[in-house]
Amino acid sequence: MTRAVAIVEPGGPEVLRVVERDVREPGPGEVRIAVRAAAVNPTDISLRQRGDAGNPPPWVPGMDAAGAVESVGAGVEHVAVGDDVMAAVTPRRPEGGAQSELLVVPAASVAPIPAGATIEQAATLPMNGLTALRGLELLDLPPGATLAVTGGAGLLASYVIPIAKLRGLRVLADAGPADEELVRSFGADVVLPRGDELAAAMRAAAPEGVDAVFDTALLGRSVLPAIRPGGALAYVRTWDEMSKEA
């Protein structure tokens, strides 16, 4: 048995409980982690508010975990018992997500914690890091292209911006007055004022239009005027309203 955070029904914070639940041994190609830190992300709030129609409650939230390898299944070679690791997991599976004392996940979802990172820091990395990498991979911008990043002071943007710089991109990002220096420290070449005129500010900084926008702030259609013809938008949630004309 292990303890886990559980959502017993859709609702507010009052539907959260700490429960005891069975945990199985890792199978071939799987790792069981003794979790020491698990992140809370917007998707966890969505799960709490809406539930998961594909699985019965209780639902265990959490997409990121960090801790120590407790046991491994057959065929696992890149991590061993006792290693400090981080993992990405979907909470929308029958076994639930990361907010559990013991967590069984595919070995492919587990990686060693980066040198110098704390357990708590590592627990914030997998989902946002993978999202940043995947978004930039899909945009596939060549060195020298201009990328605009919305939500420049956010955690996802804090990964997108430096990775984009490593790839040779010119990066524009928005920030409120208190966060301007923070966003510059991520590596942004130009920091723009956050607000309703952001698309116009992007156009002023890139008169022909930016090559792409990585929209971590979910600004949606309001940033489309900033993108050049043939440019691209990376949006980090399902967007049913997007039309062919956009």
Protein backbone atom coordinates (compact mmCIF):
# COMPACT_ATOMS: atom_id res chain seq x y z
CA MET A 1 0.00 0.00 0.00
CA THR A 2 1.05 3.58 -0.57
CA ARG A 3 -0.38 7.01 0.12
CA ALA A 4 -1.47 9.32 -2.70
CA VAL A 5 -3.30 12.58 -3.29
CA ALA A 6 -6.72 11.74 -4.72
CA ILE A 7 -9.54 13.68 -6.36
CA VAL A 8 -12.72 11.96 -5.20
CA GLU A 9 -15.10 13.93 -7.45
CA PRO A 10 -14.95 17.00 -9.69
CA GLY A 11 -14.88 20.24 -7.71
CA GLY A 12 -12.73 22.68 -5.78
CA PRO A 13 -9.81 22.04 -3.42
CA GLU A 14 -12.22 20.45 -0.93
CA VAL A 15 -12.45 17.29 -3.11
CA LEU A 16 -8.77 16.46 -2.51
CA ARG A 17 -8.01 13.63 -0.11
CA VAL A 18 -4.96 11.66 1.02
CA VAL A 19 -5.79 7.99 0.42
CA GLU A 20 -4.11 4.62 0.69
CA ARG A 21 -3.99 2.53 -2.46
CA ASP A 22 -2.34 -0.58 -3.81
CA VAL A 23 0.87 -0.24 -5.78
CA ARG A 24 2.22 -3.01 -7.96
CA GLU A 25 5.75 -4.18 -8.63
CA PRO A 26 7.38 -2.80 -11.79
CA GLY A 27 7.05 -5.02 -14.85
CA PRO A 28 9.56 -5.43 -17.68
CA GLY A 29 10.79 -2.04 -18.87
CA GLU A 30 9.29 -0.23 -15.88
CA VAL A 31 10.65 1.67 -12.87
CA ARG A 32 9.14 2.18 -9.41
CA ILE A 33 10.06 5.50 -7.84
CA ALA A 34 9.90 6.55 -4.20
CA VAL A 35 8.56 10.05 -4.85
CA ARG A 36 9.98 12.92 -2.81
CA ALA A 37 8.52 15.83 -4.81
CA ALA A 38 5.71 16.16 -7.34
CA ALA A 39 4.73 19.30 -9.21
CA VAL A 40 1.28 20.85 -9.52
CA ASN A 41 0.42 22.10 -13.01
CA PRO A 42 -2.64 23.71 -14.64
CA THR A 43 -3.63 20.33 -16.05
CA ASP A 44 -3.98 19.05 -12.47
CA ILE A 45 -6.41 21.86 -11.70
CA SER A 46 -8.36 20.94 -14.83
CA LEU A 47 -8.50 17.30 -13.71
CA ARG A 48 -9.75 18.37 -10.28
CA GLN A 49 -12.42 20.62 -11.76
CA ARG A 50 -13.65 18.34 -14.55
CA GLY A 51 -12.62 14.81 -13.60
CA ASP A 52 -11.70 12.16 -16.16
CA ALA A 53 -14.55 10.59 -18.09
CA GLY A 54 -12.27 7.78 -19.24
CA ASN A 55 -11.52 6.47 -15.74
CA PRO A 56 -13.60 6.17 -12.55
CA PRO A 57 -12.66 8.23 -9.45
CA PRO A 58 -10.65 8.65 -7.38
CA TRP A 59 -8.13 10.29 -9.73
CA VAL A 60 -4.50 10.86 -8.74
CA PRO A 61 -3.13 14.09 -10.24
CA GLY A 62 0.41 15.00 -11.18
CA MET A 63 2.50 14.92 -14.36
CA ASP A 64 5.99 15.40 -12.86
CA ALA A 65 7.77 13.52 -10.09
CA ALA A 66 11.26 13.35 -8.66
CA GLY A 67 12.71 10.92 -6.15
CA ALA A 68 14.81 7.78 -5.91
CA VAL A 69 14.51 4.53 -7.85
CA GLU A 70 12.99 1.99 -5.46
CA SER A 71 12.97 -1.01 -7.83
CA VAL A 72 13.27 -1.79 -11.52
CA GLY A 73 11.78 -4.34 -13.88
CA ALA A 74 13.61 -6.56 -16.30
CA GLY A 75 15.49 -4.86 -19.10
CA VAL A 76 15.99 -1.48 -17.41
CA GLU A 77 19.60 -0.43 -17.78
CA HIS A 78 19.89 3.38 -17.77
CA VAL A 79 18.87 3.78 -14.10
CA ALA A 80 19.41 1.59 -11.03
CA VAL A 81 18.02 1.23 -7.52
CA GLY A 82 19.00 4.25 -5.43
CA ASP A 83 19.47 6.65 -8.34
CA ASP A 84 17.91 10.10 -8.04
CA VAL A 85 15.56 10.48 -11.00
CA MET A 86 12.72 12.54 -12.44
CA ALA A 87 9.79 11.25 -14.45
CA ALA A 88 6.90 12.38 -16.62
CA VAL A 89 3.55 10.61 -16.31
CA THR A 90 -0.01 11.17 -17.44
CA PRO A 91 -2.58 11.29 -14.63
CA ARG A 92 -5.25 10.20 -17.11
CA ARG A 93 -4.31 6.52 -16.89
CA PRO A 94 -5.90 3.89 -14.63
CA GLU A 95 -2.98 4.07 -12.16
CA GLY A 96 -3.13 7.84 -12.02
CA GLY A 97 -0.42 10.44 -11.83
CA ALA A 98 2.66 11.52 -9.96
CA GLN A 99 1.30 12.64 -6.59
CA SER A 100 1.86 9.28 -4.94
CA GLU A 101 4.51 8.01 -2.53
CA LEU A 102 5.33 5.12 -4.87
CA LEU A 103 4.98 5.52 -8.62
CA VAL A 104 5.36 2.91 -11.38
CA VAL A 105 6.20 4.35 -14.80
CA PRO A 106 7.78 3.18 -18.08
CA ALA A 107 11.55 3.38 -17.95
CA ALA A 108 11.46 5.56 -21.09
CA SER A 109 9.71 8.24 -19.00
CA VAL A 110 12.50 8.32 -16.39
CA ALA A 111 15.77 10.25 -16.52
CA PRO A 112 18.53 11.03 -13.99
CA ILE A 113 18.20 14.35 -12.21
CA PRO A 114 20.54 16.96 -13.74
CA ALA A 115 23.68 17.70 -11.76
CA GLY A 116 23.18 20.57 -9.34
CA ALA A 117 19.37 20.43 -9.37
CA THR A 118 17.45 19.83 -6.17
CA ILE A 119 14.68 17.24 -5.94
CA GLU A 120 12.11 20.04 -5.89
CA GLN A 121 13.61 21.73 -8.97
CA ALA A 122 13.77 18.43 -10.84
CA ALA A 123 10.07 17.85 -10.15
CA THR A 124 9.25 20.95 -12.24
CA LEU A 125 11.31 19.93 -15.26
CA PRO A 126 9.85 16.93 -17.17
CA MET A 127 6.51 18.22 -18.47
CA ASN A 128 7.61 21.79 -19.13
CA GLY A 129 10.98 20.75 -20.53
CA LEU A 130 9.43 18.21 -22.89
CA THR A 131 6.74 20.72 -23.93
CA ALA A 132 9.40 23.32 -24.74
CA LEU A 133 11.46 20.84 -26.75
CA ARG A 134 8.47 19.45 -28.64
CA GLY A 135 7.07 22.89 -29.48
CA LEU A 136 10.40 24.09 -30.84
CA GLU A 137 10.81 20.84 -32.74
CA LEU A 138 7.43 21.31 -34.42
CA LEU A 139 8.15 24.95 -35.26
CA ASP A 140 11.48 23.85 -36.78
CA LEU A 141 12.87 27.38 -37.13
CA PRO A 142 16.29 27.88 -38.73
CA PRO A 143 19.07 29.80 -36.95
CA GLY A 144 18.48 33.53 -37.25
CA ALA A 145 14.68 33.25 -37.30
CA THR A 146 12.60 35.35 -34.90
CA LEU A 147 10.50 33.62 -32.25
CA ALA A 148 8.07 35.46 -30.00
CA VAL A 149 7.27 33.85 -26.64
CA THR A 150 4.19 34.89 -24.69
CA GLY A 151 4.06 34.53 -20.91
CA GLY A 152 7.77 35.29 -20.79
CA ALA A 153 8.06 35.14 -16.99
CA GLY A 154 6.35 31.76 -16.69
CA LEU A 155 7.95 28.40 -16.05
CA LEU A 156 7.39 27.02 -19.54
CA ALA A 157 8.80 30.18 -21.11
CA SER A 158 11.84 29.90 -18.84
CA TYR A 159 12.67 26.70 -20.74
CA VAL A 160 11.56 27.82 -24.22
CA ILE A 161 13.64 31.00 -24.26
CA PRO A 162 17.10 29.58 -23.41
CA ILE A 163 16.60 26.52 -25.62
CA ALA A 164 15.58 28.80 -28.50
CA LYS A 165 18.72 30.87 -27.94
CA LEU A 166 20.87 27.73 -28.00
CA ARG A 167 19.31 27.03 -31.40
CA GLY A 168 20.39 30.41 -32.71
CA LEU A 169 16.98 32.12 -32.69
CA ARG A 170 16.22 35.77 -32.03
CA VAL A 171 13.74 35.77 -29.16
CA LEU A 172 11.10 38.35 -28.26
CA ALA A 173 9.23 37.84 -25.00
CA ASP A 174 6.71 39.79 -22.95
CA ALA A 175 6.88 40.71 -19.27
CA GLY A 176 5.32 42.95 -16.70
CA PRO A 177 7.54 45.70 -15.25
CA ALA A 178 8.55 43.61 -12.24
CA ASP A 179 9.63 40.67 -14.42
CA GLU A 180 11.61 42.41 -17.17
CA GLU A 181 15.03 41.59 -15.73
CA LEU A 182 13.98 38.00 -15.03
CA VAL A 183 12.94 37.50 -18.66
CA ARG A 184 16.19 39.06 -19.87
CA SER A 185 18.07 36.64 -17.64
CA PHE A 186 16.39 33.76 -19.52
CA GLY A 187 18.08 35.10 -22.66
CA ALA A 188 15.36 37.13 -24.43
CA ASP A 189 16.83 39.57 -26.96
CA VAL A 190 13.87 41.94 -26.71
CA VAL A 191 11.48 42.26 -23.77
CA LEU A 192 8.07 43.68 -24.70
CA PRO A 193 5.35 45.06 -22.42
CA ARG A 194 2.68 42.55 -21.49
CA GLY A 195 -0.88 43.55 -22.34
CA ASP A 196 -3.46 44.11 -25.05
CA GLU A 197 -0.97 45.73 -27.46
CA LEU A 198 1.46 42.82 -27.43
CA ALA A 199 0.88 41.81 -31.07
CA ALA A 200 1.50 45.40 -32.19
CA ALA A 201 4.67 45.52 -30.09
CA MET A 202 5.86 42.29 -31.72
CA ARG A 203 5.25 43.82 -35.15
CA ALA A 204 7.22 46.92 -34.15
CA ALA A 205 10.15 44.70 -33.12
CA ALA A 206 9.80 42.52 -36.25
CA PRO A 207 8.18 44.69 -38.97
CA GLU A 208 7.82 41.80 -41.44
CA GLY A 209 6.23 39.68 -38.76
CA VAL A 210 7.76 37.11 -36.45
CA ASP A 211 8.50 33.68 -37.88
CA ALA A 212 6.60 31.98 -35.07
CA VAL A 213 4.94 32.50 -31.71
CA PHE A 214 5.29 30.02 -28.85
CA ASP A 215 2.11 30.90 -26.98
CA THR A 216 2.70 29.77 -23.40
CA ALA A 217 0.22 32.38 -22.09
CA LEU A 218 -2.69 31.02 -24.18
CA LEU A 219 -3.36 34.36 -25.85
CA GLY A 220 -4.68 32.56 -28.92
CA ARG A 221 -6.03 34.60 -31.82
CA SER A 222 -4.84 37.92 -30.42
CA VAL A 223 -1.23 37.12 -31.40
CA LEU A 224 -1.96 36.00 -34.96
CA PRO A 225 -1.43 39.51 -36.43
CA ALA A 226 2.19 39.39 -35.22
CA ILE A 227 3.04 36.35 -37.35
CA ARG A 228 4.35 36.76 -40.91
CA PRO A 229 2.52 35.02 -43.79
CA GLY A 230 3.52 31.38 -43.72
CA GLY A 231 4.66 31.61 -40.10
CA ALA A 232 3.63 29.31 -37.29
CA LEU A 233 2.01 29.20 -33.86
CA ALA A 234 2.80 26.70 -31.11
CA TYR A 235 -0.18 26.53 -28.74
CA VAL A 236 0.09 24.41 -25.61
CA ARG A 237 -3.55 23.40 -25.15
CA THR A 238 -6.20 21.90 -27.43
CA TRP A 239 -7.67 24.75 -29.44
CA ASP A 240 -10.99 23.78 -31.04
CA GLU A 241 -11.75 27.29 -32.25
CA MET A 242 -8.80 27.42 -34.68
CA SER A 243 -10.11 27.75 -38.25
CA LYS A 244 -8.49 27.00 -41.58
CA GLU A 245 -8.37 30.73 -42.31
CA ALA A 246 -6.18 31.27 -39.21
